[in-house]
């Protein structure tokens, strides 16, 4: 016990160094999978944060409320796709889950733009803005949880978090078409932030905690 207490400052120092190197590696090209995951987390913070800020104070929106929110997600989606194609390792670029996520993000953005320019049928236009993003998040996390189930790249605990989030997100999407319509509509940016960020944050922090414990 005394030895453990004596070595605690050394372990803390080694953990701090290991975590610094870990996060530096995540942000250094070519990005590993967790590096792109971290950029996805930052995308969610900026996207849902600005969307919420514009909705609370429309005067902050430079192009009109809806147009500004869509513009934010166009820029962020283009950015994450650009990073994914240009700055990741070849194994990440070939990973099917990342390709599916890229496709889902682009599809949601295309639906948003289609609604803005008037090519979406008027009967479904009201469902063409945040609904596609909940669908993309829900489907994306379910695929992440279930794909290549035996692979050790994603631990079982992380798969459970992804699966639960995917099911919950699709449940909220379904509920928003019926009894939960008012609740989801009024809180969509907070809901979007939670379902987008919690699984990614859990994944990155779980890896960081494992690295720290090994020191």
N, C-alpha and C. Protein backbone atom coordinates (compact mmCIF):
# COMPACT_ATOMS: atom_id res chain seq x y z
N UNK A 1 0.83 -1.20 0.00
CA UNK A 1 0.00 0.00 0.00
C UNK A 1 0.87 1.26 0.00
N UNK A 2 1.92 1.24 0.86
CA UNK A 2 2.81 2.40 0.93
C UNK A 2 3.52 2.62 -0.40
N UNK A 3 3.94 1.49 -1.03
CA UNK A 3 4.60 1.59 -2.32
C UNK A 3 3.70 2.20 -3.37
N UNK A 4 2.41 1.83 -3.33
CA UNK A 4 1.47 2.38 -4.30
C UNK A 4 1.31 3.87 -4.11
N UNK A 5 1.24 4.31 -2.82
CA UNK A 5 1.09 5.74 -2.55
C UNK A 5 2.34 6.50 -2.99
N UNK A 6 3.50 5.89 -2.76
CA UNK A 6 4.75 6.55 -3.13
C UNK A 6 4.86 6.70 -4.65
N UNK A 7 4.36 5.71 -5.36
CA UNK A 7 4.48 5.72 -6.83
C UNK A 7 3.36 6.49 -7.50
N UNK A 8 2.35 6.94 -6.73
CA UNK A 8 1.20 7.61 -7.35
C UNK A 8 1.59 8.84 -8.16
N UNK A 9 2.45 9.73 -7.65
CA UNK A 9 2.85 10.88 -8.49
C UNK A 9 3.51 10.45 -9.80
N UNK A 10 4.32 9.38 -9.72
CA UNK A 10 4.95 8.88 -10.95
C UNK A 10 3.94 8.35 -11.93
N UNK A 11 2.93 7.63 -11.43
CA UNK A 11 1.90 7.09 -12.31
C UNK A 11 1.09 8.22 -12.94
N UNK A 12 0.78 9.24 -12.13
CA UNK A 12 0.04 10.38 -12.67
C UNK A 12 0.83 11.09 -13.75
N UNK A 13 2.12 11.22 -13.52
CA UNK A 13 2.97 11.88 -14.51
C UNK A 13 3.04 11.05 -15.80
N UNK A 14 3.20 9.74 -15.66
CA UNK A 14 3.24 8.88 -16.85
C UNK A 14 1.91 8.89 -17.59
N UNK A 15 0.81 8.90 -16.83
CA UNK A 15 -0.51 8.95 -17.46
C UNK A 15 -0.69 10.26 -18.23
N UNK A 16 -0.24 11.35 -17.62
CA UNK A 16 -0.38 12.65 -18.28
C UNK A 16 0.42 12.69 -19.58
N UNK A 17 1.63 12.18 -19.53
CA UNK A 17 2.46 12.13 -20.74
C UNK A 17 1.82 11.24 -21.80
N UNK A 18 1.33 10.06 -21.38
CA UNK A 18 0.72 9.13 -22.33
C UNK A 18 -0.52 9.73 -22.98
N UNK A 19 -1.34 10.43 -22.18
CA UNK A 19 -2.55 11.03 -22.73
C UNK A 19 -2.22 12.19 -23.66
N UNK A 20 -1.19 12.96 -23.31
CA UNK A 20 -0.76 14.04 -24.20
C UNK A 20 -0.33 13.49 -25.55
N UNK A 21 0.47 12.42 -25.53
CA UNK A 21 0.91 11.80 -26.77
C UNK A 21 -0.27 11.20 -27.55
N UNK A 22 -1.23 10.62 -26.80
CA UNK A 22 -2.40 10.00 -27.42
C UNK A 22 -3.21 11.04 -28.19
N UNK A 23 -3.55 12.15 -27.53
CA UNK A 23 -4.37 13.16 -28.20
C UNK A 23 -3.58 13.89 -29.29
N UNK A 24 -2.27 14.03 -29.11
CA UNK A 24 -1.46 14.62 -30.17
C UNK A 24 -1.48 13.73 -31.41
N UNK A 25 -1.43 12.42 -31.18
CA UNK A 25 -1.49 11.48 -32.31
C UNK A 25 -2.85 11.54 -32.99
N UNK A 26 -3.91 11.67 -32.20
CA UNK A 26 -5.24 11.73 -32.79
C UNK A 26 -5.41 12.91 -33.73
N UNK A 27 -4.72 14.00 -33.44
CA UNK A 27 -4.90 15.23 -34.21
C UNK A 27 -3.80 15.45 -35.24
N UNK A 28 -2.93 14.45 -35.41
CA UNK A 28 -1.82 14.58 -36.36
C UNK A 28 -2.09 13.71 -37.58
N UNK A 29 -2.05 14.31 -38.79
CA UNK A 29 -2.26 13.49 -39.99
C UNK A 29 -1.08 12.55 -40.23
N UNK A 30 -1.36 11.39 -40.83
CA UNK A 30 -2.70 10.89 -41.21
C UNK A 30 -3.51 10.48 -39.98
N UNK A 31 -4.75 10.96 -39.93
CA UNK A 31 -5.58 10.72 -38.75
C UNK A 31 -5.96 9.25 -38.64
N UNK A 32 -5.85 8.68 -37.43
CA UNK A 32 -6.41 7.35 -37.21
C UNK A 32 -7.93 7.44 -37.07
N UNK A 33 -8.58 6.31 -36.91
CA UNK A 33 -10.03 6.32 -36.77
C UNK A 33 -10.50 7.17 -35.62
N UNK A 34 -9.83 7.06 -34.46
CA UNK A 34 -10.24 7.86 -33.31
C UNK A 34 -9.98 9.34 -33.53
N UNK A 35 -9.01 9.67 -34.38
CA UNK A 35 -8.77 11.07 -34.71
C UNK A 35 -9.93 11.65 -35.48
N UNK A 36 -10.42 10.90 -36.47
CA UNK A 36 -11.59 11.35 -37.22
C UNK A 36 -12.81 11.40 -36.31
N UNK A 37 -12.88 10.47 -35.37
CA UNK A 37 -13.97 10.47 -34.39
C UNK A 37 -13.95 11.76 -33.57
N UNK A 38 -12.75 12.19 -33.18
CA UNK A 38 -12.63 13.41 -32.40
C UNK A 38 -13.06 14.62 -33.23
N UNK A 39 -12.71 14.64 -34.51
CA UNK A 39 -13.16 15.72 -35.38
C UNK A 39 -14.68 15.69 -35.52
N UNK A 40 -15.27 14.48 -35.55
CA UNK A 40 -16.72 14.37 -35.58
C UNK A 40 -17.36 14.94 -34.32
N UNK A 41 -16.68 14.76 -33.18
CA UNK A 41 -17.18 15.33 -31.93
C UNK A 41 -17.15 16.85 -32.01
N UNK A 42 -16.05 17.41 -32.50
CA UNK A 42 -15.93 18.86 -32.62
C UNK A 42 -16.96 19.40 -33.60
N UNK A 43 -17.22 18.65 -34.68
CA UNK A 43 -18.25 19.03 -35.64
C UNK A 43 -19.61 19.14 -34.94
N UNK A 44 -19.92 18.16 -34.10
CA UNK A 44 -21.19 18.18 -33.39
C UNK A 44 -21.31 19.35 -32.42
N UNK A 45 -20.23 19.63 -31.70
CA UNK A 45 -20.25 20.76 -30.76
C UNK A 45 -20.54 22.07 -31.49
N UNK A 46 -19.81 22.28 -32.60
CA UNK A 46 -19.99 23.52 -33.36
C UNK A 46 -21.36 23.55 -34.03
N UNK A 47 -21.74 22.46 -34.69
CA UNK A 47 -22.98 22.45 -35.45
C UNK A 47 -24.22 22.62 -34.58
N UNK A 48 -24.35 21.78 -33.56
CA UNK A 48 -25.53 21.89 -32.71
C UNK A 48 -25.48 23.14 -31.85
N UNK A 49 -24.26 23.55 -31.46
CA UNK A 49 -24.14 24.78 -30.66
C UNK A 49 -24.58 26.01 -31.44
N UNK A 50 -24.10 26.15 -32.68
CA UNK A 50 -24.51 27.30 -33.48
C UNK A 50 -25.98 27.22 -33.86
N UNK A 51 -26.46 26.03 -34.15
CA UNK A 51 -27.89 25.88 -34.48
C UNK A 51 -28.75 26.34 -33.31
N UNK A 52 -28.36 25.92 -32.10
CA UNK A 52 -29.10 26.34 -30.91
C UNK A 52 -29.01 27.85 -30.70
N UNK A 53 -27.82 28.41 -30.87
CA UNK A 53 -27.64 29.85 -30.68
C UNK A 53 -28.47 30.65 -31.68
N UNK A 54 -28.49 30.23 -32.94
CA UNK A 54 -29.30 30.93 -33.94
C UNK A 54 -30.78 30.83 -33.61
N UNK A 55 -31.22 29.65 -33.14
CA UNK A 55 -32.64 29.49 -32.84
C UNK A 55 -33.07 30.32 -31.65
N UNK A 56 -32.16 30.51 -30.70
CA UNK A 56 -32.48 31.31 -29.51
C UNK A 56 -32.41 32.81 -29.80
N UNK A 57 -31.54 33.17 -30.73
CA UNK A 57 -31.37 34.59 -31.07
C UNK A 57 -31.23 34.71 -32.58
N UNK A 58 -32.35 34.71 -33.30
CA UNK A 58 -32.29 34.74 -34.77
C UNK A 58 -31.49 35.91 -35.33
N UNK A 59 -31.32 36.96 -34.54
CA UNK A 59 -30.53 38.09 -35.01
C UNK A 59 -29.07 37.73 -35.27
N UNK A 60 -28.60 36.63 -34.67
CA UNK A 60 -27.23 36.19 -34.89
C UNK A 60 -27.05 35.49 -36.24
N UNK A 61 -28.16 35.02 -36.81
CA UNK A 61 -28.10 34.26 -38.06
C UNK A 61 -27.84 35.21 -39.22
N UNK A 62 -26.74 35.05 -39.94
CA UNK A 62 -26.39 36.02 -40.98
C UNK A 62 -27.24 35.96 -42.24
N UNK A 63 -27.86 34.81 -42.55
CA UNK A 63 -28.60 34.67 -43.81
C UNK A 63 -30.07 34.37 -43.62
N UNK A 64 -30.60 34.58 -42.44
CA UNK A 64 -31.92 34.06 -42.11
C UNK A 64 -31.74 32.80 -41.31
N UNK A 65 -32.69 32.49 -40.44
CA UNK A 65 -32.53 31.42 -39.47
C UNK A 65 -32.28 30.06 -40.13
N UNK A 66 -33.23 29.60 -40.93
CA UNK A 66 -33.10 28.26 -41.52
C UNK A 66 -31.91 28.20 -42.46
N UNK A 67 -31.75 29.23 -43.29
CA UNK A 67 -30.65 29.24 -44.25
C UNK A 67 -29.29 29.20 -43.53
N UNK A 68 -29.17 29.91 -42.42
CA UNK A 68 -27.90 29.94 -41.70
C UNK A 68 -27.59 28.60 -41.06
N UNK A 69 -28.61 27.95 -40.49
CA UNK A 69 -28.39 26.64 -39.87
C UNK A 69 -27.98 25.62 -40.93
N UNK A 70 -28.66 25.63 -42.06
CA UNK A 70 -28.31 24.71 -43.14
C UNK A 70 -26.89 25.01 -43.64
N UNK A 71 -26.54 26.29 -43.76
CA UNK A 71 -25.20 26.65 -44.21
C UNK A 71 -24.13 26.13 -43.26
N UNK A 72 -24.40 26.21 -41.96
CA UNK A 72 -23.44 25.69 -40.98
C UNK A 72 -23.19 24.21 -41.22
N UNK A 73 -24.26 23.44 -41.42
CA UNK A 73 -24.10 21.99 -41.59
C UNK A 73 -23.50 21.64 -42.95
N UNK A 74 -23.73 22.48 -43.97
CA UNK A 74 -23.06 22.25 -45.26
C UNK A 74 -21.56 22.39 -45.09
N UNK A 75 -21.13 23.46 -44.43
CA UNK A 75 -19.70 23.69 -44.22
C UNK A 75 -19.09 22.58 -43.37
N UNK A 76 -19.77 22.19 -42.29
CA UNK A 76 -19.23 21.16 -41.40
C UNK A 76 -19.18 19.80 -42.08
N UNK A 77 -20.22 19.47 -42.84
CA UNK A 77 -20.22 18.19 -43.55
C UNK A 77 -19.11 18.16 -44.60
N UNK A 78 -18.96 19.26 -45.34
CA UNK A 78 -17.88 19.33 -46.33
C UNK A 78 -16.53 19.20 -45.64
N UNK A 79 -16.41 19.83 -44.45
CA UNK A 79 -15.15 19.77 -43.72
C UNK A 79 -14.80 18.37 -43.25
N UNK A 80 -15.77 17.67 -42.67
CA UNK A 80 -15.48 16.33 -42.15
C UNK A 80 -15.22 15.35 -43.30
N UNK A 81 -15.92 15.52 -44.42
CA UNK A 81 -15.66 14.67 -45.58
C UNK A 81 -14.26 14.96 -46.13
N UNK A 82 -13.90 16.24 -46.19
CA UNK A 82 -12.57 16.64 -46.68
C UNK A 82 -11.48 16.03 -45.80
N UNK A 83 -11.63 16.15 -44.49
CA UNK A 83 -10.65 15.56 -43.58
C UNK A 83 -10.61 14.05 -43.75
N UNK A 84 -11.79 13.45 -43.89
CA UNK A 84 -11.84 12.00 -44.03
C UNK A 84 -11.15 11.50 -45.28
N UNK A 85 -11.24 12.26 -46.36
CA UNK A 85 -10.65 11.84 -47.63
C UNK A 85 -9.17 12.19 -47.71
N UNK A 86 -8.81 13.34 -47.12
CA UNK A 86 -7.47 13.89 -47.34
C UNK A 86 -6.47 13.58 -46.23
N UNK A 87 -6.92 13.58 -44.98
CA UNK A 87 -5.98 13.55 -43.86
C UNK A 87 -6.04 12.28 -43.01
N UNK A 88 -6.76 11.28 -43.47
CA UNK A 88 -6.83 10.04 -42.69
C UNK A 88 -5.90 8.99 -43.28
N UNK A 89 -5.65 7.97 -42.49
CA UNK A 89 -4.84 6.86 -42.97
C UNK A 89 -5.65 6.04 -43.98
N UNK A 90 -4.99 5.32 -44.89
CA UNK A 90 -5.71 4.53 -45.90
C UNK A 90 -6.70 3.54 -45.29
N UNK A 91 -6.37 2.96 -44.14
CA UNK A 91 -7.29 2.00 -43.52
C UNK A 91 -8.59 2.67 -43.09
N UNK A 92 -8.51 3.92 -42.67
CA UNK A 92 -9.72 4.65 -42.29
C UNK A 92 -10.54 4.97 -43.52
N UNK A 93 -9.88 5.41 -44.58
CA UNK A 93 -10.61 5.78 -45.81
C UNK A 93 -11.32 4.58 -46.43
N UNK A 94 -10.78 3.39 -46.21
CA UNK A 94 -11.40 2.19 -46.78
C UNK A 94 -12.41 1.54 -45.83
N UNK A 95 -12.51 2.03 -44.61
CA UNK A 95 -13.39 1.42 -43.63
C UNK A 95 -14.85 1.67 -44.03
N UNK A 96 -15.62 0.59 -44.13
CA UNK A 96 -17.00 0.70 -44.62
C UNK A 96 -17.89 1.53 -43.70
N UNK A 97 -17.64 1.45 -42.40
CA UNK A 97 -18.47 2.22 -41.47
C UNK A 97 -18.28 3.72 -41.70
N UNK A 98 -17.03 4.13 -41.90
CA UNK A 98 -16.78 5.55 -42.17
C UNK A 98 -17.40 5.97 -43.49
N UNK A 99 -17.34 5.10 -44.49
CA UNK A 99 -17.96 5.42 -45.78
C UNK A 99 -19.47 5.58 -45.64
N UNK A 100 -20.09 4.71 -44.82
CA UNK A 100 -21.53 4.81 -44.59
C UNK A 100 -21.87 6.12 -43.88
N UNK A 101 -21.06 6.47 -42.86
CA UNK A 101 -21.29 7.73 -42.16
C UNK A 101 -21.17 8.91 -43.12
N UNK A 102 -20.16 8.88 -43.98
CA UNK A 102 -20.01 9.95 -44.96
C UNK A 102 -21.22 10.06 -45.87
N UNK A 103 -21.70 8.91 -46.34
CA UNK A 103 -22.89 8.91 -47.18
C UNK A 103 -24.12 9.43 -46.47
N UNK A 104 -24.31 9.06 -45.21
CA UNK A 104 -25.46 9.52 -44.44
C UNK A 104 -25.42 11.04 -44.23
N UNK A 105 -24.24 11.55 -43.91
CA UNK A 105 -24.10 13.00 -43.70
C UNK A 105 -24.36 13.76 -44.99
N UNK A 106 -23.82 13.28 -46.09
CA UNK A 106 -24.04 13.95 -47.38
C UNK A 106 -25.52 13.88 -47.77
N UNK A 107 -26.15 12.73 -47.53
CA UNK A 107 -27.57 12.58 -47.88
C UNK A 107 -28.44 13.56 -47.08
N UNK A 108 -28.17 13.68 -45.78
CA UNK A 108 -28.96 14.62 -44.96
C UNK A 108 -28.76 16.05 -45.44
N UNK A 109 -27.52 16.39 -45.81
CA UNK A 109 -27.24 17.74 -46.30
C UNK A 109 -27.96 17.99 -47.63
N UNK A 110 -27.96 17.01 -48.51
CA UNK A 110 -28.64 17.16 -49.80
C UNK A 110 -30.13 17.39 -49.60
N UNK A 111 -30.74 16.66 -48.67
CA UNK A 111 -32.17 16.86 -48.39
C UNK A 111 -32.42 18.27 -47.87
N UNK A 112 -31.55 18.74 -46.96
CA UNK A 112 -31.67 20.11 -46.45
C UNK A 112 -31.63 21.13 -47.58
N UNK A 113 -30.63 20.99 -48.46
CA UNK A 113 -30.48 21.93 -49.57
C UNK A 113 -31.67 21.83 -50.52
N UNK A 114 -32.14 20.60 -50.76
CA UNK A 114 -33.31 20.43 -51.62
C UNK A 114 -34.53 21.15 -51.07
N UNK A 115 -34.69 21.12 -49.75
CA UNK A 115 -35.81 21.83 -49.14
C UNK A 115 -35.67 23.34 -49.31
N UNK A 116 -34.44 23.83 -49.18
CA UNK A 116 -34.20 25.27 -49.30
C UNK A 116 -34.48 25.77 -50.71
N UNK A 117 -34.08 25.01 -51.71
CA UNK A 117 -34.25 25.47 -53.10
C UNK A 117 -35.60 25.08 -53.68
N UNK A 118 -36.42 24.39 -52.90
CA UNK A 118 -37.79 24.12 -53.32
C UNK A 118 -38.01 22.90 -54.17
N UNK A 119 -37.05 21.96 -54.18
CA UNK A 119 -37.27 20.75 -54.99
C UNK A 119 -37.89 19.62 -54.17
N UNK A 120 -38.01 19.82 -52.86
CA UNK A 120 -38.68 18.84 -52.01
C UNK A 120 -40.18 19.10 -52.07
N UNK A 121 -41.00 18.08 -52.25
CA UNK A 121 -42.45 18.29 -52.31
C UNK A 121 -42.96 19.04 -51.08
N UNK A 122 -43.84 20.01 -51.27
CA UNK A 122 -44.34 20.80 -50.15
C UNK A 122 -44.93 19.96 -49.01
N UNK A 123 -45.50 18.81 -49.34
CA UNK A 123 -46.14 17.98 -48.31
C UNK A 123 -45.14 17.43 -47.32
N UNK A 124 -43.87 17.28 -47.73
CA UNK A 124 -42.87 16.70 -46.83
C UNK A 124 -41.78 17.71 -46.46
N UNK A 125 -41.94 18.94 -46.91
CA UNK A 125 -40.88 19.94 -46.66
C UNK A 125 -40.63 20.14 -45.17
N UNK A 126 -41.67 20.06 -44.36
CA UNK A 126 -41.50 20.27 -42.91
C UNK A 126 -40.64 19.18 -42.27
N UNK A 127 -40.50 18.05 -42.96
CA UNK A 127 -39.68 16.95 -42.42
C UNK A 127 -38.29 16.88 -43.07
N UNK A 128 -37.92 17.92 -43.79
CA UNK A 128 -36.70 17.86 -44.59
C UNK A 128 -35.51 18.58 -43.97
N UNK A 129 -35.64 19.02 -42.72
CA UNK A 129 -34.54 19.78 -42.11
C UNK A 129 -33.85 18.96 -41.02
N UNK A 130 -34.41 18.89 -39.83
CA UNK A 130 -33.72 18.14 -38.77
C UNK A 130 -34.04 16.66 -38.78
N UNK A 131 -35.16 16.26 -39.36
CA UNK A 131 -35.51 14.84 -39.40
C UNK A 131 -34.43 13.99 -40.10
N UNK A 132 -33.89 14.44 -41.25
CA UNK A 132 -32.84 13.62 -41.88
C UNK A 132 -31.61 13.44 -41.00
N UNK A 133 -31.31 14.41 -40.15
CA UNK A 133 -30.13 14.29 -39.29
C UNK A 133 -30.37 13.28 -38.18
N UNK A 134 -31.57 13.25 -37.62
CA UNK A 134 -31.85 12.21 -36.63
C UNK A 134 -31.81 10.83 -37.28
N UNK A 135 -32.31 10.73 -38.50
CA UNK A 135 -32.26 9.45 -39.21
C UNK A 135 -30.81 9.04 -39.46
N UNK A 136 -29.98 9.98 -39.89
CA UNK A 136 -28.57 9.68 -40.16
C UNK A 136 -27.85 9.24 -38.89
N UNK A 137 -28.08 9.94 -37.79
CA UNK A 137 -27.43 9.59 -36.52
C UNK A 137 -27.89 8.22 -36.04
N UNK A 138 -29.21 7.99 -36.06
CA UNK A 138 -29.74 6.72 -35.58
C UNK A 138 -29.24 5.54 -36.40
N UNK A 139 -29.34 5.65 -37.72
CA UNK A 139 -28.88 4.56 -38.59
C UNK A 139 -27.38 4.38 -38.47
N UNK A 140 -26.65 5.49 -38.45
CA UNK A 140 -25.20 5.42 -38.37
C UNK A 140 -24.70 4.73 -37.12
N UNK A 141 -25.29 5.05 -35.98
CA UNK A 141 -24.85 4.43 -34.73
C UNK A 141 -25.25 2.96 -34.65
N UNK A 142 -26.39 2.62 -35.19
CA UNK A 142 -26.78 1.20 -35.21
C UNK A 142 -25.82 0.38 -36.08
N UNK A 143 -25.48 0.92 -37.23
CA UNK A 143 -24.53 0.22 -38.10
C UNK A 143 -23.16 0.12 -37.41
N UNK A 144 -22.73 1.19 -36.76
CA UNK A 144 -21.46 1.16 -36.04
C UNK A 144 -21.47 0.07 -34.97
N UNK A 145 -22.58 -0.07 -34.28
CA UNK A 145 -22.68 -1.07 -33.21
C UNK A 145 -22.68 -2.49 -33.73
N UNK A 146 -23.33 -2.71 -34.86
CA UNK A 146 -23.57 -4.08 -35.33
C UNK A 146 -22.55 -4.56 -36.35
N UNK A 147 -21.86 -3.65 -37.02
CA UNK A 147 -20.97 -4.06 -38.10
C UNK A 147 -19.76 -4.81 -37.55
N UNK A 148 -19.45 -5.92 -38.17
CA UNK A 148 -18.26 -6.71 -37.83
C UNK A 148 -18.21 -6.93 -36.31
N UNK A 149 -19.24 -7.56 -35.79
CA UNK A 149 -19.48 -7.69 -34.35
C UNK A 149 -18.29 -8.28 -33.59
N UNK A 150 -17.57 -9.16 -34.19
CA UNK A 150 -16.47 -9.84 -33.50
C UNK A 150 -15.18 -9.04 -33.50
N UNK A 151 -15.15 -7.93 -34.22
CA UNK A 151 -13.92 -7.15 -34.29
C UNK A 151 -13.58 -6.53 -32.94
N UNK A 152 -12.33 -6.63 -32.49
CA UNK A 152 -11.94 -6.04 -31.20
C UNK A 152 -11.69 -4.53 -31.29
N UNK A 153 -11.80 -3.95 -32.49
CA UNK A 153 -11.55 -2.52 -32.63
C UNK A 153 -12.53 -1.70 -31.80
N UNK A 154 -13.75 -2.20 -31.68
CA UNK A 154 -14.76 -1.53 -30.86
C UNK A 154 -15.12 -2.48 -29.73
N UNK A 155 -14.91 -2.05 -28.50
CA UNK A 155 -15.21 -2.91 -27.35
C UNK A 155 -16.72 -3.05 -27.18
N UNK A 156 -17.12 -4.15 -26.51
CA UNK A 156 -18.54 -4.45 -26.37
C UNK A 156 -19.29 -3.33 -25.66
N UNK A 157 -18.68 -2.74 -24.65
CA UNK A 157 -19.34 -1.64 -23.94
C UNK A 157 -19.63 -0.48 -24.88
N UNK A 158 -18.68 -0.17 -25.77
CA UNK A 158 -18.87 0.91 -26.72
C UNK A 158 -19.96 0.55 -27.73
N UNK A 159 -20.00 -0.72 -28.14
CA UNK A 159 -21.06 -1.15 -29.05
C UNK A 159 -22.44 -0.99 -28.42
N UNK A 160 -22.53 -1.29 -27.13
CA UNK A 160 -23.81 -1.13 -26.43
C UNK A 160 -24.24 0.33 -26.43
N UNK A 161 -23.30 1.23 -26.14
CA UNK A 161 -23.63 2.67 -26.14
C UNK A 161 -24.08 3.12 -27.52
N UNK A 162 -23.37 2.68 -28.56
CA UNK A 162 -23.76 3.04 -29.92
C UNK A 162 -25.15 2.49 -30.25
N UNK A 163 -25.40 1.24 -29.89
CA UNK A 163 -26.68 0.61 -30.21
C UNK A 163 -27.83 1.29 -29.48
N UNK A 164 -27.65 1.54 -28.18
CA UNK A 164 -28.71 2.19 -27.40
C UNK A 164 -29.00 3.58 -27.96
N UNK A 165 -27.95 4.31 -28.31
CA UNK A 165 -28.14 5.65 -28.86
C UNK A 165 -28.86 5.58 -30.21
N UNK A 166 -28.47 4.61 -31.04
CA UNK A 166 -29.13 4.46 -32.33
C UNK A 166 -30.61 4.18 -32.18
N UNK A 167 -30.96 3.24 -31.31
CA UNK A 167 -32.37 2.90 -31.09
C UNK A 167 -33.12 4.09 -30.50
N UNK A 168 -32.52 4.76 -29.51
CA UNK A 168 -33.18 5.91 -28.89
C UNK A 168 -33.42 7.03 -29.89
N UNK A 169 -32.42 7.27 -30.75
CA UNK A 169 -32.55 8.34 -31.74
C UNK A 169 -33.66 8.04 -32.74
N UNK A 170 -33.70 6.81 -33.24
CA UNK A 170 -34.77 6.44 -34.17
C UNK A 170 -36.13 6.43 -33.48
N UNK A 171 -36.13 6.08 -32.18
CA UNK A 171 -37.38 6.15 -31.42
C UNK A 171 -37.88 7.58 -31.30
N UNK A 172 -36.95 8.51 -31.02
CA UNK A 172 -37.33 9.92 -30.95
C UNK A 172 -37.80 10.43 -32.30
N UNK A 173 -37.14 9.97 -33.37
CA UNK A 173 -37.57 10.38 -34.71
C UNK A 173 -38.99 9.89 -34.99
N UNK A 174 -39.27 8.63 -34.65
CA UNK A 174 -40.62 8.11 -34.85
C UNK A 174 -41.63 8.85 -33.97
N UNK A 175 -41.25 9.09 -32.72
CA UNK A 175 -42.13 9.80 -31.81
C UNK A 175 -42.40 11.23 -32.24
N UNK A 176 -41.43 11.83 -32.96
CA UNK A 176 -41.62 13.21 -33.40
C UNK A 176 -42.69 13.33 -34.48
N UNK A 177 -43.07 12.21 -35.05
CA UNK A 177 -44.15 12.22 -36.04
C UNK A 177 -45.50 12.04 -35.38
N UNK A 178 -45.51 11.83 -34.07
CA UNK A 178 -46.75 11.60 -33.34
C UNK A 178 -46.76 12.28 -31.99
N UNK A 179 -46.82 11.51 -30.91
CA UNK A 179 -47.03 12.09 -29.58
C UNK A 179 -45.87 12.94 -29.05
N UNK A 180 -44.66 12.74 -29.56
CA UNK A 180 -43.51 13.51 -29.08
C UNK A 180 -43.17 14.70 -29.97
N UNK A 181 -44.07 15.03 -30.88
CA UNK A 181 -43.77 16.08 -31.86
C UNK A 181 -43.37 17.39 -31.20
N UNK A 182 -44.16 17.86 -30.26
CA UNK A 182 -43.87 19.16 -29.64
C UNK A 182 -42.57 19.11 -28.84
N UNK A 183 -42.38 18.03 -28.07
CA UNK A 183 -41.18 17.91 -27.24
C UNK A 183 -39.92 17.89 -28.09
N UNK A 184 -39.90 17.06 -29.13
CA UNK A 184 -38.71 16.95 -29.96
C UNK A 184 -38.46 18.23 -30.73
N UNK A 185 -39.51 18.83 -31.27
CA UNK A 185 -39.35 20.06 -32.05
C UNK A 185 -38.79 21.19 -31.20
N UNK A 186 -39.31 21.34 -29.99
CA UNK A 186 -38.86 22.43 -29.12
C UNK A 186 -37.44 22.22 -28.61
N UNK A 187 -37.00 20.97 -28.52
CA UNK A 187 -35.69 20.67 -27.94
C UNK A 187 -34.74 20.01 -28.93
N UNK A 188 -35.00 20.18 -30.22
CA UNK A 188 -34.28 19.40 -31.22
C UNK A 188 -32.77 19.62 -31.17
N UNK A 189 -32.31 20.83 -30.91
CA UNK A 189 -30.87 21.08 -30.96
C UNK A 189 -30.17 20.50 -29.73
N UNK A 190 -30.84 20.52 -28.59
CA UNK A 190 -30.28 19.86 -27.40
C UNK A 190 -30.30 18.35 -27.59
N UNK A 191 -31.40 17.82 -28.12
CA UNK A 191 -31.49 16.37 -28.37
C UNK A 191 -30.43 15.95 -29.38
N UNK A 192 -30.30 16.71 -30.46
CA UNK A 192 -29.31 16.40 -31.47
C UNK A 192 -27.90 16.38 -30.90
N UNK A 193 -27.60 17.35 -30.05
CA UNK A 193 -26.27 17.40 -29.44
C UNK A 193 -26.01 16.18 -28.57
N UNK A 194 -27.00 15.78 -27.77
CA UNK A 194 -26.82 14.64 -26.86
C UNK A 194 -26.60 13.35 -27.65
N UNK A 195 -27.48 13.08 -28.61
CA UNK A 195 -27.36 11.80 -29.33
C UNK A 195 -26.14 11.77 -30.24
N UNK A 196 -25.71 12.93 -30.71
CA UNK A 196 -24.52 12.99 -31.55
C UNK A 196 -23.24 12.84 -30.72
N UNK A 197 -23.19 13.53 -29.59
CA UNK A 197 -21.92 13.67 -28.87
C UNK A 197 -21.66 12.60 -27.82
N UNK A 198 -22.69 12.11 -27.15
CA UNK A 198 -22.47 11.18 -26.04
C UNK A 198 -21.74 9.91 -26.48
N UNK A 199 -22.16 9.23 -27.55
CA UNK A 199 -21.43 8.01 -27.94
C UNK A 199 -19.98 8.27 -28.34
N UNK A 200 -19.75 9.36 -29.10
CA UNK A 200 -18.38 9.67 -29.51
C UNK A 200 -17.54 10.02 -28.30
N UNK A 201 -18.09 10.86 -27.41
CA UNK A 201 -17.35 11.23 -26.20
C UNK A 201 -17.03 10.03 -25.35
N UNK A 202 -17.98 9.12 -25.22
CA UNK A 202 -17.75 7.90 -24.44
C UNK A 202 -16.63 7.08 -25.05
N UNK A 203 -16.65 6.95 -26.37
CA UNK A 203 -15.63 6.15 -27.06
C UNK A 203 -14.23 6.72 -26.83
N UNK A 204 -14.08 8.01 -27.07
CA UNK A 204 -12.75 8.65 -26.93
C UNK A 204 -12.29 8.62 -25.48
N UNK A 205 -13.19 8.93 -24.55
CA UNK A 205 -12.80 8.96 -23.13
C UNK A 205 -12.50 7.57 -22.60
N UNK A 206 -13.24 6.57 -23.09
CA UNK A 206 -12.97 5.19 -22.66
C UNK A 206 -11.57 4.77 -23.08
N UNK A 207 -11.17 5.13 -24.30
CA UNK A 207 -9.82 4.81 -24.76
C UNK A 207 -8.78 5.56 -23.94
N UNK A 208 -9.06 6.85 -23.65
CA UNK A 208 -8.12 7.63 -22.86
C UNK A 208 -7.97 7.06 -21.45
N UNK A 209 -9.09 6.65 -20.86
CA UNK A 209 -9.04 6.07 -19.50
C UNK A 209 -8.26 4.77 -19.49
N UNK A 210 -8.43 3.97 -20.54
CA UNK A 210 -7.68 2.71 -20.62
C UNK A 210 -6.18 2.97 -20.73
N UNK A 211 -5.81 3.94 -21.52
CA UNK A 211 -4.40 4.29 -21.66
C UNK A 211 -3.83 4.78 -20.32
N UNK A 212 -4.60 5.62 -19.62
CA UNK A 212 -4.13 6.16 -18.34
C UNK A 212 -3.97 5.04 -17.30
N UNK A 213 -4.88 4.08 -17.29
CA UNK A 213 -4.80 2.99 -16.30
C UNK A 213 -3.63 2.07 -16.54
N UNK A 214 -3.17 2.00 -17.77
CA UNK A 214 -2.07 1.09 -18.09
C UNK A 214 -0.71 1.63 -17.65
N UNK A 215 -0.66 2.89 -17.26
CA UNK A 215 0.65 3.47 -16.90
C UNK A 215 1.06 3.08 -15.49
